[in-house]
Amino acid sequence: MVRQILTANLKPPQYHVMNNLTLRSGDGTTKVGHVVVSRFGVLVSSDPLERQ
């Protein structure tokens, strides 16, 4: 649901939306639900309900 809202409302080239990222961390990996990058900044969101 979050993915659909973000991609429907935040369009390129002003916004870059990435979903379901796995990132390396100091002791392994971590999962991030959504990242939005724009000229205004970076928004990182995790939605635990979406992972079930």
Foldseek 3Di string as FASTA:
>chain_A
DVVVVCPVPPDPPQKDKDAFDWAADPVGIDTWGIWIQGPVGIDTHHDVVVVD
